[in-house]
Amino acid sequence: MNGRRQPHKHAPKSALHRTKPRNFVRIVGGKWRGRHVPVADTDGLRPTPDRVRETLFNWLSPHIVGAHCLDLFAGSGALGFEALSRGAAHVHFVEQDRRMRVALAQMLTTLECRDASIAQHDAFTLLDKAGHDPANAFDLVFIDPPFSQAWQAPVLAALAKSALLQAHAHLYVESNSTWDAQALPDGMELLRAKSAGLVRYHLISWQRDGQA
């Protein structure tokens, strides 16, 4: 030994930067608080931000435990995973994109979660096939479509005509500022609404005809 400190051996730069860090959203509450949900690099994918989910699930705190949830336009699944983390009984994810569906399945495996199902088709296919059998109706529906498609109103109208909603269900809707949240189908009432940047988010109640 010559008495001089040996230089540190660094991993080759190519090894350190082999892959770009993955995008993710963080589960903000419940049993999986702090866990990261990967977000695919897909055009138009816009996961609900942490602070919006925090506010939403504060609104839903009296209703989320034991709820059966439908996550239309699931995307990253941030809303559905947050619901499961906070005690929802089951979440049915609906996602048309195959890559995102695979990512949802992988995340459920990672979380060792069996209280969820995934359907690979668009939301309107589900609504068209729903029929009028209330056996599998939902307590809570998340509606976060691509803003460019302006699907909020037709989705709510289809849900109001279906048997997918329990008698006292709640619906969460994200939109841009152009959607009129006051123009709702009969039986739906806007309970709360807030803004975060260019995003508007809304909590809506559903009252089935003949139910007090």
N, C-alpha and C. Protein backbone atom coordinates (compact mmCIF):
# COMPACT_ATOMS: atom_id res chain seq x y z
N MET A 1 0.86 -1.19 0.00
CA MET A 1 0.00 0.00 0.00
C MET A 1 0.89 1.24 0.00
N ASN A 2 0.49 2.25 -0.72
CA ASN A 2 1.31 3.45 -0.78
C ASN A 2 0.83 4.53 0.19
N GLY A 3 -0.18 4.20 1.02
CA GLY A 3 -0.65 5.14 2.04
C GLY A 3 -1.68 6.13 1.54
N ARG A 4 -1.88 6.15 0.24
CA ARG A 4 -2.89 7.08 -0.28
C ARG A 4 -4.24 6.40 -0.36
N ARG A 5 -5.30 7.17 -0.07
CA ARG A 5 -6.65 6.62 -0.12
C ARG A 5 -6.99 6.26 -1.56
N GLN A 6 -7.53 5.07 -1.69
CA GLN A 6 -7.92 4.63 -3.01
C GLN A 6 -9.18 5.37 -3.46
N PRO A 7 -9.26 5.76 -4.71
CA PRO A 7 -10.46 6.47 -5.18
C PRO A 7 -11.67 5.56 -5.14
N HIS A 8 -12.83 6.17 -4.85
CA HIS A 8 -14.07 5.40 -4.87
C HIS A 8 -14.35 4.94 -6.27
N LYS A 9 -14.86 3.72 -6.36
CA LYS A 9 -15.24 3.19 -7.65
C LYS A 9 -16.71 3.51 -7.89
N HIS A 10 -16.97 4.27 -8.90
CA HIS A 10 -18.33 4.66 -9.21
C HIS A 10 -18.92 3.74 -10.25
N ALA A 11 -20.22 3.47 -10.12
CA ALA A 11 -20.89 2.68 -11.15
C ALA A 11 -20.86 3.45 -12.46
N PRO A 12 -20.75 2.76 -13.57
CA PRO A 12 -20.76 3.45 -14.85
C PRO A 12 -22.01 4.31 -14.99
N LYS A 13 -21.82 5.45 -15.64
CA LYS A 13 -22.94 6.37 -15.80
C LYS A 13 -24.12 5.69 -16.47
N SER A 14 -23.85 4.80 -17.40
CA SER A 14 -24.94 4.12 -18.10
C SER A 14 -25.76 3.26 -17.16
N ALA A 15 -25.12 2.70 -16.12
CA ALA A 15 -25.84 1.87 -15.16
C ALA A 15 -26.72 2.72 -14.25
N LEU A 16 -26.21 3.94 -13.90
CA LEU A 16 -26.96 4.79 -13.01
C LEU A 16 -28.17 5.42 -13.69
N HIS A 17 -28.07 5.61 -14.98
CA HIS A 17 -29.11 6.33 -15.71
C HIS A 17 -29.73 5.44 -16.78
N ARG A 18 -29.82 4.16 -16.47
CA ARG A 18 -30.31 3.23 -17.48
C ARG A 18 -31.78 3.48 -17.81
N THR A 19 -32.57 3.83 -16.79
CA THR A 19 -33.99 4.10 -17.01
C THR A 19 -34.37 5.43 -16.39
N LYS A 20 -35.29 6.10 -17.01
CA LYS A 20 -35.83 7.35 -16.47
C LYS A 20 -36.73 7.03 -15.28
N PRO A 21 -36.62 7.79 -14.15
CA PRO A 21 -37.49 7.54 -13.01
C PRO A 21 -38.96 7.57 -13.42
N ARG A 22 -39.73 6.64 -12.88
CA ARG A 22 -41.14 6.53 -13.25
C ARG A 22 -41.95 7.62 -12.57
N ASN A 23 -42.97 8.12 -13.27
CA ASN A 23 -43.93 9.02 -12.66
C ASN A 23 -44.82 8.23 -11.72
N PHE A 24 -45.35 8.90 -10.71
CA PHE A 24 -46.21 8.21 -9.77
C PHE A 24 -47.14 9.21 -9.09
N VAL A 25 -48.20 8.69 -8.49
CA VAL A 25 -49.01 9.45 -7.55
C VAL A 25 -48.93 8.73 -6.20
N ARG A 26 -49.13 9.48 -5.16
CA ARG A 26 -48.99 8.95 -3.81
C ARG A 26 -50.36 8.77 -3.18
N ILE A 27 -50.60 7.61 -2.57
CA ILE A 27 -51.82 7.40 -1.79
C ILE A 27 -51.68 8.24 -0.52
N VAL A 28 -52.66 9.08 -0.24
CA VAL A 28 -52.50 10.08 0.80
C VAL A 28 -53.13 9.71 2.13
N GLY A 29 -53.92 8.63 2.19
CA GLY A 29 -54.53 8.27 3.46
C GLY A 29 -54.86 6.79 3.54
N GLY A 30 -55.16 6.33 4.75
CA GLY A 30 -55.57 4.94 4.94
C GLY A 30 -54.41 3.98 5.13
N LYS A 31 -54.70 2.68 4.95
CA LYS A 31 -53.73 1.64 5.27
C LYS A 31 -52.52 1.65 4.34
N TRP A 32 -52.67 2.20 3.13
CA TRP A 32 -51.55 2.27 2.19
C TRP A 32 -50.99 3.68 2.08
N ARG A 33 -51.21 4.48 3.07
CA ARG A 33 -50.74 5.87 3.04
C ARG A 33 -49.24 5.93 2.72
N GLY A 34 -48.89 6.77 1.75
CA GLY A 34 -47.50 6.93 1.36
C GLY A 34 -47.04 6.01 0.26
N ARG A 35 -47.83 4.98 -0.08
CA ARG A 35 -47.46 4.09 -1.17
C ARG A 35 -47.58 4.82 -2.50
N HIS A 36 -46.69 4.47 -3.43
CA HIS A 36 -46.66 5.13 -4.73
C HIS A 36 -47.35 4.27 -5.79
N VAL A 37 -48.22 4.90 -6.56
CA VAL A 37 -48.91 4.24 -7.67
C VAL A 37 -48.28 4.72 -8.97
N PRO A 38 -47.68 3.84 -9.78
CA PRO A 38 -47.05 4.28 -11.03
C PRO A 38 -48.06 4.89 -11.99
N VAL A 39 -47.61 5.87 -12.76
CA VAL A 39 -48.44 6.53 -13.76
C VAL A 39 -47.79 6.31 -15.12
N ALA A 40 -48.51 5.68 -16.01
CA ALA A 40 -47.97 5.42 -17.35
C ALA A 40 -47.78 6.72 -18.11
N ASP A 41 -46.78 6.73 -18.98
CA ASP A 41 -46.50 7.90 -19.81
C ASP A 41 -47.44 7.85 -21.02
N THR A 42 -48.66 8.33 -20.80
CA THR A 42 -49.71 8.25 -21.81
C THR A 42 -50.29 9.63 -22.05
N ASP A 43 -50.44 10.01 -23.30
CA ASP A 43 -51.00 11.32 -23.64
C ASP A 43 -52.40 11.46 -23.04
N GLY A 44 -52.63 12.60 -22.41
CA GLY A 44 -53.96 12.89 -21.88
C GLY A 44 -54.22 12.35 -20.49
N LEU A 45 -53.31 11.51 -19.96
CA LEU A 45 -53.52 10.97 -18.61
C LEU A 45 -53.25 12.06 -17.59
N ARG A 46 -54.20 12.27 -16.69
CA ARG A 46 -54.15 13.38 -15.76
C ARG A 46 -54.63 12.90 -14.39
N PRO A 47 -53.76 12.23 -13.62
CA PRO A 47 -54.20 11.71 -12.32
C PRO A 47 -54.68 12.83 -11.39
N THR A 48 -55.67 12.52 -10.58
CA THR A 48 -56.18 13.49 -9.62
C THR A 48 -55.09 13.84 -8.61
N PRO A 49 -54.76 15.13 -8.44
CA PRO A 49 -53.66 15.52 -7.54
C PRO A 49 -53.91 15.13 -6.09
N ASP A 50 -52.81 15.04 -5.33
CA ASP A 50 -52.89 14.67 -3.91
C ASP A 50 -53.86 15.54 -3.14
N ARG A 51 -53.74 16.84 -3.28
CA ARG A 51 -54.55 17.74 -2.43
C ARG A 51 -56.03 17.65 -2.78
N VAL A 52 -56.33 17.37 -4.05
CA VAL A 52 -57.73 17.20 -4.44
C VAL A 52 -58.28 15.92 -3.83
N ARG A 53 -57.50 14.82 -3.90
CA ARG A 53 -57.96 13.57 -3.30
C ARG A 53 -58.12 13.71 -1.80
N GLU A 54 -57.23 14.46 -1.16
CA GLU A 54 -57.36 14.66 0.29
C GLU A 54 -58.68 15.34 0.62
N THR A 55 -59.01 16.39 -0.13
CA THR A 55 -60.27 17.09 0.09
C THR A 55 -61.47 16.19 -0.20
N LEU A 56 -61.42 15.50 -1.34
CA LEU A 56 -62.52 14.61 -1.72
C LEU A 56 -62.80 13.58 -0.65
N PHE A 57 -61.77 12.90 -0.16
CA PHE A 57 -62.01 11.83 0.80
C PHE A 57 -62.33 12.35 2.19
N ASN A 58 -62.01 13.60 2.47
CA ASN A 58 -62.57 14.23 3.68
C ASN A 58 -64.08 14.39 3.52
N TRP A 59 -64.51 14.80 2.33
CA TRP A 59 -65.95 14.90 2.07
C TRP A 59 -66.62 13.53 2.22
N LEU A 60 -65.94 12.49 1.74
CA LEU A 60 -66.54 11.16 1.69
C LEU A 60 -66.35 10.35 2.97
N SER A 61 -65.69 10.90 3.95
CA SER A 61 -65.33 10.12 5.14
C SER A 61 -66.52 9.41 5.80
N PRO A 62 -67.74 9.97 5.80
CA PRO A 62 -68.85 9.22 6.40
C PRO A 62 -69.36 8.07 5.52
N HIS A 63 -68.90 8.00 4.27
CA HIS A 63 -69.51 7.08 3.31
C HIS A 63 -68.55 6.03 2.74
N ILE A 64 -67.26 6.18 2.96
CA ILE A 64 -66.30 5.36 2.21
C ILE A 64 -66.13 3.95 2.76
N VAL A 65 -66.18 3.77 4.07
CA VAL A 65 -65.94 2.46 4.66
C VAL A 65 -67.06 1.50 4.25
N GLY A 66 -66.68 0.40 3.64
CA GLY A 66 -67.65 -0.60 3.20
C GLY A 66 -68.32 -0.29 1.88
N ALA A 67 -67.93 0.79 1.22
CA ALA A 67 -68.60 1.19 -0.02
C ALA A 67 -68.15 0.33 -1.20
N HIS A 68 -69.08 0.12 -2.11
CA HIS A 68 -68.79 -0.52 -3.39
C HIS A 68 -68.67 0.59 -4.43
N CYS A 69 -67.49 0.67 -5.06
CA CYS A 69 -67.14 1.82 -5.87
C CYS A 69 -66.91 1.44 -7.33
N LEU A 70 -67.24 2.37 -8.21
CA LEU A 70 -67.00 2.23 -9.64
C LEU A 70 -66.06 3.36 -10.06
N ASP A 71 -64.91 3.00 -10.61
CA ASP A 71 -63.93 3.99 -11.06
C ASP A 71 -63.95 4.00 -12.59
N LEU A 72 -64.84 4.82 -13.16
CA LEU A 72 -64.89 4.98 -14.61
C LEU A 72 -63.68 5.80 -15.08
N PHE A 73 -63.20 5.53 -16.29
CA PHE A 73 -62.03 6.25 -16.80
C PHE A 73 -60.88 6.15 -15.79
N ALA A 74 -60.57 4.94 -15.34
CA ALA A 74 -59.71 4.74 -14.17
C ALA A 74 -58.31 5.32 -14.35
N GLY A 75 -57.72 5.21 -15.54
CA GLY A 75 -56.38 5.74 -15.74
C GLY A 75 -55.38 5.11 -14.80
N SER A 76 -54.70 5.91 -14.00
CA SER A 76 -53.72 5.40 -13.04
C SER A 76 -54.38 4.63 -11.91
N GLY A 77 -55.68 4.83 -11.71
CA GLY A 77 -56.37 4.18 -10.60
C GLY A 77 -56.23 4.92 -9.29
N ALA A 78 -55.73 6.16 -9.32
CA ALA A 78 -55.47 6.90 -8.09
C ALA A 78 -56.70 7.01 -7.20
N LEU A 79 -57.85 7.28 -7.79
CA LEU A 79 -59.08 7.42 -6.99
C LEU A 79 -59.51 6.09 -6.41
N GLY A 80 -59.48 5.04 -7.23
CA GLY A 80 -59.88 3.72 -6.74
C GLY A 80 -58.96 3.18 -5.67
N PHE A 81 -57.66 3.35 -5.86
CA PHE A 81 -56.71 2.88 -4.84
C PHE A 81 -56.86 3.66 -3.54
N GLU A 82 -57.12 4.96 -3.66
CA GLU A 82 -57.34 5.77 -2.45
C GLU A 82 -58.57 5.27 -1.71
N ALA A 83 -59.63 4.93 -2.45
CA ALA A 83 -60.84 4.42 -1.81
C ALA A 83 -60.57 3.10 -1.10
N LEU A 84 -59.86 2.19 -1.75
CA LEU A 84 -59.54 0.91 -1.13
C LEU A 84 -58.68 1.10 0.11
N SER A 85 -57.72 2.01 0.03
CA SER A 85 -56.85 2.28 1.18
C SER A 85 -57.64 2.76 2.38
N ARG A 86 -58.73 3.48 2.12
CA ARG A 86 -59.51 4.08 3.19
C ARG A 86 -60.71 3.24 3.62
N GLY A 87 -60.80 1.99 3.14
CA GLY A 87 -61.80 1.08 3.68
C GLY A 87 -62.94 0.71 2.76
N ALA A 88 -62.89 1.09 1.49
CA ALA A 88 -63.94 0.66 0.57
C ALA A 88 -63.95 -0.86 0.49
N ALA A 89 -65.14 -1.44 0.33
CA ALA A 89 -65.26 -2.89 0.27
C ALA A 89 -64.77 -3.45 -1.06
N HIS A 90 -65.01 -2.70 -2.13
CA HIS A 90 -64.63 -3.19 -3.47
C HIS A 90 -64.60 -2.02 -4.44
N VAL A 91 -63.67 -2.08 -5.39
CA VAL A 91 -63.61 -1.09 -6.47
C VAL A 91 -63.58 -1.83 -7.80
N HIS A 92 -64.45 -1.41 -8.71
CA HIS A 92 -64.45 -1.94 -10.08
C HIS A 92 -63.83 -0.86 -10.98
N PHE A 93 -62.63 -1.14 -11.49
CA PHE A 93 -61.93 -0.21 -12.36
C PHE A 93 -62.36 -0.45 -13.81
N VAL A 94 -62.64 0.62 -14.54
CA VAL A 94 -62.97 0.53 -15.95
C VAL A 94 -61.94 1.34 -16.72
N GLU A 95 -61.20 0.68 -17.59
CA GLU A 95 -60.12 1.35 -18.33
C GLU A 95 -59.98 0.74 -19.71
N GLN A 96 -60.02 1.60 -20.73
CA GLN A 96 -59.98 1.14 -22.11
C GLN A 96 -58.56 0.80 -22.55
N ASP A 97 -57.56 1.56 -22.09
CA ASP A 97 -56.18 1.39 -22.54
C ASP A 97 -55.56 0.12 -21.93
N ARG A 98 -55.06 -0.76 -22.76
CA ARG A 98 -54.53 -2.04 -22.29
C ARG A 98 -53.33 -1.85 -21.36
N ARG A 99 -52.43 -0.92 -21.71
CA ARG A 99 -51.23 -0.71 -20.88
C ARG A 99 -51.61 -0.27 -19.47
N MET A 100 -52.57 0.62 -19.39
CA MET A 100 -52.99 1.09 -18.07
C MET A 100 -53.72 -0.01 -17.30
N ARG A 101 -54.47 -0.85 -18.03
CA ARG A 101 -55.13 -1.97 -17.37
C ARG A 101 -54.10 -2.92 -16.77
N VAL A 102 -53.03 -3.21 -17.52
CA VAL A 102 -51.97 -4.07 -17.01
C VAL A 102 -51.31 -3.44 -15.79
N ALA A 103 -51.09 -2.11 -15.83
CA ALA A 103 -50.49 -1.43 -14.68
C ALA A 103 -51.39 -1.50 -13.46
N LEU A 104 -52.70 -1.37 -13.66
CA LEU A 104 -53.64 -1.49 -12.54
C LEU A 104 -53.56 -2.88 -11.92
N ALA A 105 -53.54 -3.92 -12.77
CA ALA A 105 -53.46 -5.29 -12.27
C ALA A 105 -52.17 -5.53 -11.49
N GLN A 106 -51.07 -4.98 -12.00
CA GLN A 106 -49.78 -5.14 -11.32
C GLN A 106 -49.79 -4.45 -9.96
N MET A 107 -50.41 -3.28 -9.90
CA MET A 107 -50.46 -2.56 -8.62
C MET A 107 -51.32 -3.29 -7.62
N LEU A 108 -52.41 -3.88 -8.06
CA LEU A 108 -53.25 -4.67 -7.15
C LEU A 108 -52.47 -5.87 -6.60
N THR A 109 -51.65 -6.48 -7.46
CA THR A 109 -50.82 -7.60 -7.02
C THR A 109 -49.80 -7.12 -5.99
N THR A 110 -49.17 -5.98 -6.27
CA THR A 110 -48.18 -5.42 -5.35
C THR A 110 -48.79 -5.15 -3.99
N LEU A 111 -50.00 -4.64 -3.97
CA LEU A 111 -50.69 -4.31 -2.71
C LEU A 111 -51.36 -5.52 -2.07
N GLU A 112 -51.29 -6.68 -2.76
CA GLU A 112 -51.95 -7.90 -2.29
C GLU A 112 -53.43 -7.64 -2.03
N CYS A 113 -54.04 -6.93 -2.97
CA CYS A 113 -55.44 -6.54 -2.84
C CYS A 113 -56.31 -7.43 -3.71
N ARG A 114 -57.32 -8.05 -3.11
CA ARG A 114 -58.26 -8.89 -3.83
C ARG A 114 -59.67 -8.27 -3.87
N ASP A 115 -59.78 -7.05 -3.37
CA ASP A 115 -61.09 -6.41 -3.30
C ASP A 115 -61.32 -5.48 -4.47
N ALA A 116 -60.92 -5.92 -5.67
CA ALA A 116 -61.07 -5.08 -6.85
C ALA A 116 -61.21 -5.95 -8.08
N SER A 117 -61.79 -5.36 -9.12
CA SER A 117 -61.89 -6.01 -10.43
C SER A 117 -61.61 -4.97 -11.49
N ILE A 118 -61.23 -5.43 -12.68
CA ILE A 118 -60.85 -4.51 -13.76
C ILE A 118 -61.57 -4.94 -15.03
N ALA A 119 -62.16 -3.98 -15.73
CA ALA A 119 -62.80 -4.23 -17.01
C ALA A 119 -62.07 -3.43 -18.08
N GLN A 120 -61.70 -4.09 -19.17
CA GLN A 120 -60.99 -3.41 -20.25
C GLN A 120 -61.97 -3.05 -21.36
N HIS A 121 -62.69 -1.98 -21.16
CA HIS A 121 -63.51 -1.41 -22.21
C HIS A 121 -63.81 0.03 -21.82
N ASP A 122 -64.43 0.77 -22.70
CA ASP A 122 -64.71 2.17 -22.39
C ASP A 122 -65.93 2.27 -21.48
N ALA A 123 -66.07 3.42 -20.85
CA ALA A 123 -67.12 3.60 -19.86
C ALA A 123 -68.51 3.45 -20.46
N PHE A 124 -68.69 3.92 -21.68
CA PHE A 124 -70.02 3.86 -22.27
C PHE A 124 -70.45 2.44 -22.60
N THR A 125 -69.49 1.56 -22.85
CA THR A 125 -69.84 0.15 -23.04
C THR A 125 -70.46 -0.41 -21.77
N LEU A 126 -69.85 -0.10 -20.63
CA LEU A 126 -70.41 -0.55 -19.35
C LEU A 126 -71.81 0.03 -19.14
N LEU A 127 -71.95 1.31 -19.42
CA LEU A 127 -73.25 1.96 -19.19
C LEU A 127 -74.32 1.40 -20.12
N ASP A 128 -73.94 1.11 -21.36
CA ASP A 128 -74.90 0.56 -22.32
C ASP A 128 -75.37 -0.84 -21.93
N LYS A 129 -74.47 -1.62 -21.29
CA LYS A 129 -74.77 -3.00 -20.94
C LYS A 129 -75.32 -3.16 -19.53
N ALA A 130 -75.43 -2.05 -18.81
CA ALA A 130 -75.78 -2.14 -17.39
C ALA A 130 -77.18 -2.69 -17.19
N GLY A 131 -78.09 -2.37 -18.10
CA GLY A 131 -79.46 -2.84 -17.93
C GLY A 131 -80.10 -2.24 -16.70
N HIS A 132 -81.02 -2.98 -16.09
CA HIS A 132 -81.77 -2.46 -14.94
C HIS A 132 -81.81 -3.46 -13.78
N ASP A 133 -80.74 -4.22 -13.65
CA ASP A 133 -80.62 -5.16 -12.54
C ASP A 133 -79.83 -4.49 -11.43
N PRO A 134 -80.46 -4.15 -10.30
CA PRO A 134 -79.77 -3.42 -9.24
C PRO A 134 -78.87 -4.29 -8.35
N ALA A 135 -78.71 -5.55 -8.68
CA ALA A 135 -77.97 -6.45 -7.79
C ALA A 135 -76.53 -5.99 -7.56
N ASN A 136 -75.92 -5.38 -8.56
CA ASN A 136 -74.51 -4.97 -8.45
C ASN A 136 -74.36 -3.46 -8.48
N ALA A 137 -75.32 -2.75 -7.90
CA ALA A 137 -75.27 -1.29 -7.90
C ALA A 137 -74.14 -0.78 -7.00
N PHE A 138 -73.72 0.46 -7.25
CA PHE A 138 -72.57 1.04 -6.56
C PHE A 138 -73.01 2.15 -5.61
N ASP A 139 -72.24 2.28 -4.51
CA ASP A 139 -72.46 3.35 -3.55
C ASP A 139 -71.75 4.64 -3.96
N LEU A 140 -70.68 4.50 -4.73
CA LEU A 140 -69.84 5.65 -5.06
C LEU A 140 -69.27 5.45 -6.46
N VAL A 141 -69.37 6.49 -7.30
CA VAL A 141 -68.84 6.44 -8.66
C VAL A 141 -67.89 7.61 -8.86
N PHE A 142 -66.69 7.30 -9.38
CA PHE A 142 -65.71 8.32 -9.73
C PHE A 142 -65.78 8.55 -11.24
N ILE A 143 -65.93 9.81 -11.65
CA ILE A 143 -66.07 10.16 -13.06
C ILE A 143 -65.03 11.23 -13.39
N ASP A 144 -63.96 10.82 -14.03
CA ASP A 144 -62.86 11.73 -14.35
C ASP A 144 -62.42 11.50 -15.79
N PRO A 145 -63.27 11.88 -16.77
CA PRO A 145 -62.95 11.63 -18.18
C PRO A 145 -61.96 12.65 -18.72
N PRO A 146 -61.38 12.39 -19.90
CA PRO A 146 -60.56 13.43 -20.55
C PRO A 146 -61.38 14.70 -20.75
N PHE A 147 -60.85 15.82 -20.33
CA PHE A 147 -61.62 17.05 -20.39
C PHE A 147 -62.00 17.43 -21.82
N SER A 148 -61.15 17.07 -22.77
CA SER A 148 -61.40 17.44 -24.15
C SER A 148 -62.65 16.78 -24.73
N GLN A 149 -63.13 15.69 -24.08
CA GLN A 149 -64.26 14.94 -24.61
C GLN A 149 -65.62 15.42 -24.10
N ALA A 150 -65.63 16.22 -23.04
CA ALA A 150 -66.89 16.74 -22.49
C ALA A 150 -67.90 15.62 -22.23
N TRP A 151 -67.46 14.56 -21.55
CA TRP A 151 -68.31 13.40 -21.31
C TRP A 151 -69.04 13.44 -19.98
N GLN A 152 -68.79 14.47 -19.17
CA GLN A 152 -69.41 14.48 -17.84
C GLN A 152 -70.93 14.39 -17.92
N ALA A 153 -71.55 15.26 -18.72
CA ALA A 153 -73.02 15.29 -18.80
C ALA A 153 -73.60 13.99 -19.34
N PRO A 154 -73.10 13.44 -20.47
CA PRO A 154 -73.69 12.18 -20.95
C PRO A 154 -73.47 11.00 -20.02
N VAL A 155 -72.35 10.97 -19.31
CA VAL A 155 -72.13 9.88 -18.35
C VAL A 155 -73.13 9.97 -17.21
N LEU A 156 -73.33 11.16 -16.67
CA LEU A 156 -74.31 11.32 -15.58
C LEU A 156 -75.72 10.98 -16.05
N ALA A 157 -76.06 11.38 -17.26
CA ALA A 157 -77.38 11.07 -17.79
C ALA A 157 -77.58 9.57 -17.93
N ALA A 158 -76.53 8.87 -18.41
CA ALA A 158 -76.62 7.41 -18.56
C ALA A 158 -76.71 6.72 -17.21
N LEU A 159 -75.96 7.19 -16.24
CA LEU A 159 -76.02 6.60 -14.90
C LEU A 159 -77.41 6.77 -14.29
N ALA A 160 -78.01 7.94 -14.51
CA ALA A 160 -79.33 8.20 -13.94
C ALA A 160 -80.39 7.27 -14.51
N LYS A 161 -80.18 6.79 -15.73
CA LYS A 161 -81.15 5.89 -16.37
C LYS A 161 -80.84 4.42 -16.11
N SER A 162 -79.67 4.14 -15.55
CA SER A 162 -79.24 2.76 -15.33
C SER A 162 -79.65 2.28 -13.95
N ALA A 163 -79.26 1.04 -13.65
CA ALA A 163 -79.47 0.50 -12.30
C ALA A 163 -78.14 0.37 -11.57
N LEU A 164 -77.16 1.20 -11.97
CA LEU A 164 -75.81 1.09 -11.40
C LEU A 164 -75.66 1.84 -10.08
N LEU A 165 -76.63 2.65 -9.70
CA LEU A 165 -76.50 3.47 -8.51
C LEU A 165 -77.41 2.97 -7.40
N GLN A 166 -76.82 2.82 -6.21
CA GLN A 166 -77.63 2.55 -5.03
C GLN A 166 -78.55 3.74 -4.75
N ALA A 167 -79.56 3.53 -3.93
CA ALA A 167 -80.58 4.55 -3.70
C ALA A 167 -80.00 5.86 -3.19
N HIS A 168 -78.93 5.80 -2.40
CA HIS A 168 -78.34 7.01 -1.83
C HIS A 168 -76.87 7.11 -2.21
N ALA A 169 -76.57 6.91 -3.47
CA ALA A 169 -75.19 6.90 -3.95
C ALA A 169 -74.62 8.32 -4.00
N HIS A 170 -73.28 8.37 -4.10
CA HIS A 170 -72.58 9.63 -4.33
C HIS A 170 -71.73 9.49 -5.58
N LEU A 171 -71.57 10.62 -6.27
CA LEU A 171 -70.78 10.65 -7.50
C LEU A 171 -69.76 11.77 -7.40
N TYR A 172 -68.55 11.46 -7.81
CA TYR A 172 -67.48 12.46 -7.86
C TYR A 172 -67.17 12.75 -9.31
N VAL A 173 -67.12 14.04 -9.69
CA VAL A 173 -66.89 14.43 -11.07
C VAL A 173 -65.78 15.48 -11.13
N GLU A 174 -64.81 15.25 -12.02
CA GLU A 174 -63.81 16.27 -12.33
C GLU A 174 -64.12 16.86 -13.70
N SER A 175 -63.83 18.15 -13.84
CA SER A 175 -64.10 18.81 -15.12
C SER A 175 -63.22 20.05 -15.24
N ASN A 176 -63.26 20.66 -16.42
CA ASN A 176 -62.70 22.00 -16.54
C ASN A 176 -63.81 23.00 -16.23
N SER A 177 -63.52 24.28 -16.42
CA SER A 177 -64.46 25.31 -15.98
C SER A 177 -65.66 25.47 -16.90
N THR A 178 -65.66 24.79 -18.05
CA THR A 178 -66.75 24.99 -19.00
C THR A 178 -67.98 24.13 -18.70
N TRP A 179 -67.83 23.09 -17.86
CA TRP A 179 -68.97 22.21 -17.58
C TRP A 179 -69.87 22.84 -16.54
N ASP A 180 -71.16 22.87 -16.80
CA ASP A 180 -72.14 23.44 -15.88
C ASP A 180 -72.62 22.37 -14.91
N ALA A 181 -72.08 22.39 -13.72
CA ALA A 181 -72.41 21.36 -12.73
C ALA A 181 -73.82 21.54 -12.16
N GLN A 182 -74.48 22.64 -12.47
CA GLN A 182 -75.85 22.83 -11.99
C GLN A 182 -76.87 22.12 -12.88
N ALA A 183 -76.47 21.82 -14.12
CA ALA A 183 -77.40 21.18 -15.06
C ALA A 183 -77.30 19.67 -14.92
N LEU A 184 -77.90 19.14 -13.86
CA LEU A 184 -77.78 17.72 -13.54
C LEU A 184 -79.08 16.99 -13.85
N PRO A 185 -79.00 15.68 -14.08
CA PRO A 185 -80.23 14.90 -14.28
C PRO A 185 -81.12 14.92 -13.04
N ASP A 186 -82.39 14.68 -13.24
CA ASP A 186 -83.31 14.58 -12.11
C ASP A 186 -82.82 13.49 -11.15
N GLY A 187 -82.88 13.79 -9.87
CA GLY A 187 -82.43 12.85 -8.85
C GLY A 187 -81.02 13.12 -8.37
N MET A 188 -80.29 14.02 -9.06
CA MET A 188 -78.92 14.35 -8.66
C MET A 188 -78.86 15.77 -8.12
N GLU A 189 -78.06 15.97 -7.08
CA GLU A 189 -77.92 17.28 -6.45
C GLU A 189 -76.45 17.55 -6.17
N LEU A 190 -75.99 18.74 -6.53
CA LEU A 190 -74.62 19.14 -6.25
C LEU A 190 -74.48 19.47 -4.77
N LEU A 191 -73.59 18.75 -4.09
CA LEU A 191 -73.38 18.97 -2.66
C LEU A 191 -72.21 19.91 -2.39
N ARG A 192 -71.10 19.69 -3.13
CA ARG A 192 -69.89 20.48 -2.91
C ARG A 192 -69.16 20.65 -4.24
N ALA A 193 -68.41 21.75 -4.33
CA ALA A 193 -67.58 21.97 -5.51
C ALA A 193 -66.41 22.87 -5.12
N LYS A 194 -65.23 22.57 -5.67
CA LYS A 194 -64.05 23.39 -5.43
C LYS A 194 -63.23 23.43 -6.71
N SER A 195 -62.24 24.33 -6.72
CA SER A 195 -61.32 24.45 -7.85
C SER A 195 -59.90 24.23 -7.37
N ALA A 196 -59.09 23.68 -8.27
CA ALA A 196 -57.64 23.56 -8.05
C ALA A 196 -56.98 23.88 -9.39
N GLY A 197 -56.52 25.10 -9.54
CA GLY A 197 -55.99 25.52 -10.82
C GLY A 197 -57.12 25.57 -11.85
N LEU A 198 -56.93 24.88 -12.96
CA LEU A 198 -57.94 24.86 -14.01
C LEU A 198 -58.95 23.72 -13.83
N VAL A 199 -58.80 22.96 -12.76
CA VAL A 199 -59.66 21.80 -12.53
C VAL A 199 -60.78 22.16 -11.55
N ARG A 200 -61.99 21.77 -11.89
CA ARG A 200 -63.12 21.86 -10.98
C ARG A 200 -63.49 20.44 -10.53
N TYR A 201 -63.78 20.26 -9.26
CA TYR A 201 -64.20 18.95 -8.80
C TYR A 201 -65.44 19.08 -7.93
N HIS A 202 -66.30 18.05 -8.04
CA HIS A 202 -67.66 18.15 -7.55
C HIS A 202 -68.08 16.86 -6.85
N LEU A 203 -68.84 17.00 -5.78
CA LEU A 203 -69.47 15.86 -5.12
C LEU A 203 -70.97 15.99 -5.32
N ILE A 204 -71.59 14.94 -5.85
CA ILE A 204 -72.99 14.94 -6.21
C ILE A 204 -73.70 13.80 -5.49
N SER A 205 -74.89 14.06 -5.01
CA SER A 205 -75.69 13.00 -4.38
C SER A 205 -76.74 12.52 -5.37
N TRP A 206 -77.13 11.25 -5.20
CA TRP A 206 -78.17 10.65 -6.03
C TRP A 206 -79.29 10.18 -5.14
N GLN A 207 -80.50 10.48 -5.52
CA GLN A 207 -81.69 10.04 -4.80
C GLN A 207 -82.60 9.32 -5.76
N ARG A 208 -82.66 8.01 -5.65
CA ARG A 208 -83.52 7.24 -6.56
C ARG A 208 -84.98 7.57 -6.30
N ASP A 209 -85.74 7.65 -7.39
CA ASP A 209 -87.18 7.92 -7.29
C ASP A 209 -87.84 6.96 -6.31
N GLY A 210 -88.65 7.52 -5.41
CA GLY A 210 -89.41 6.68 -4.49
C GLY A 210 -88.65 6.32 -3.22
N GLN A 211 -87.39 6.80 -3.09
CA GLN A 211 -86.60 6.51 -1.90
C GLN A 211 -86.49 7.78 -1.06
N ALA A 212 -86.79 7.68 0.20
CA ALA A 212 -86.73 8.85 1.09
C ALA A 212 -85.34 9.00 1.65
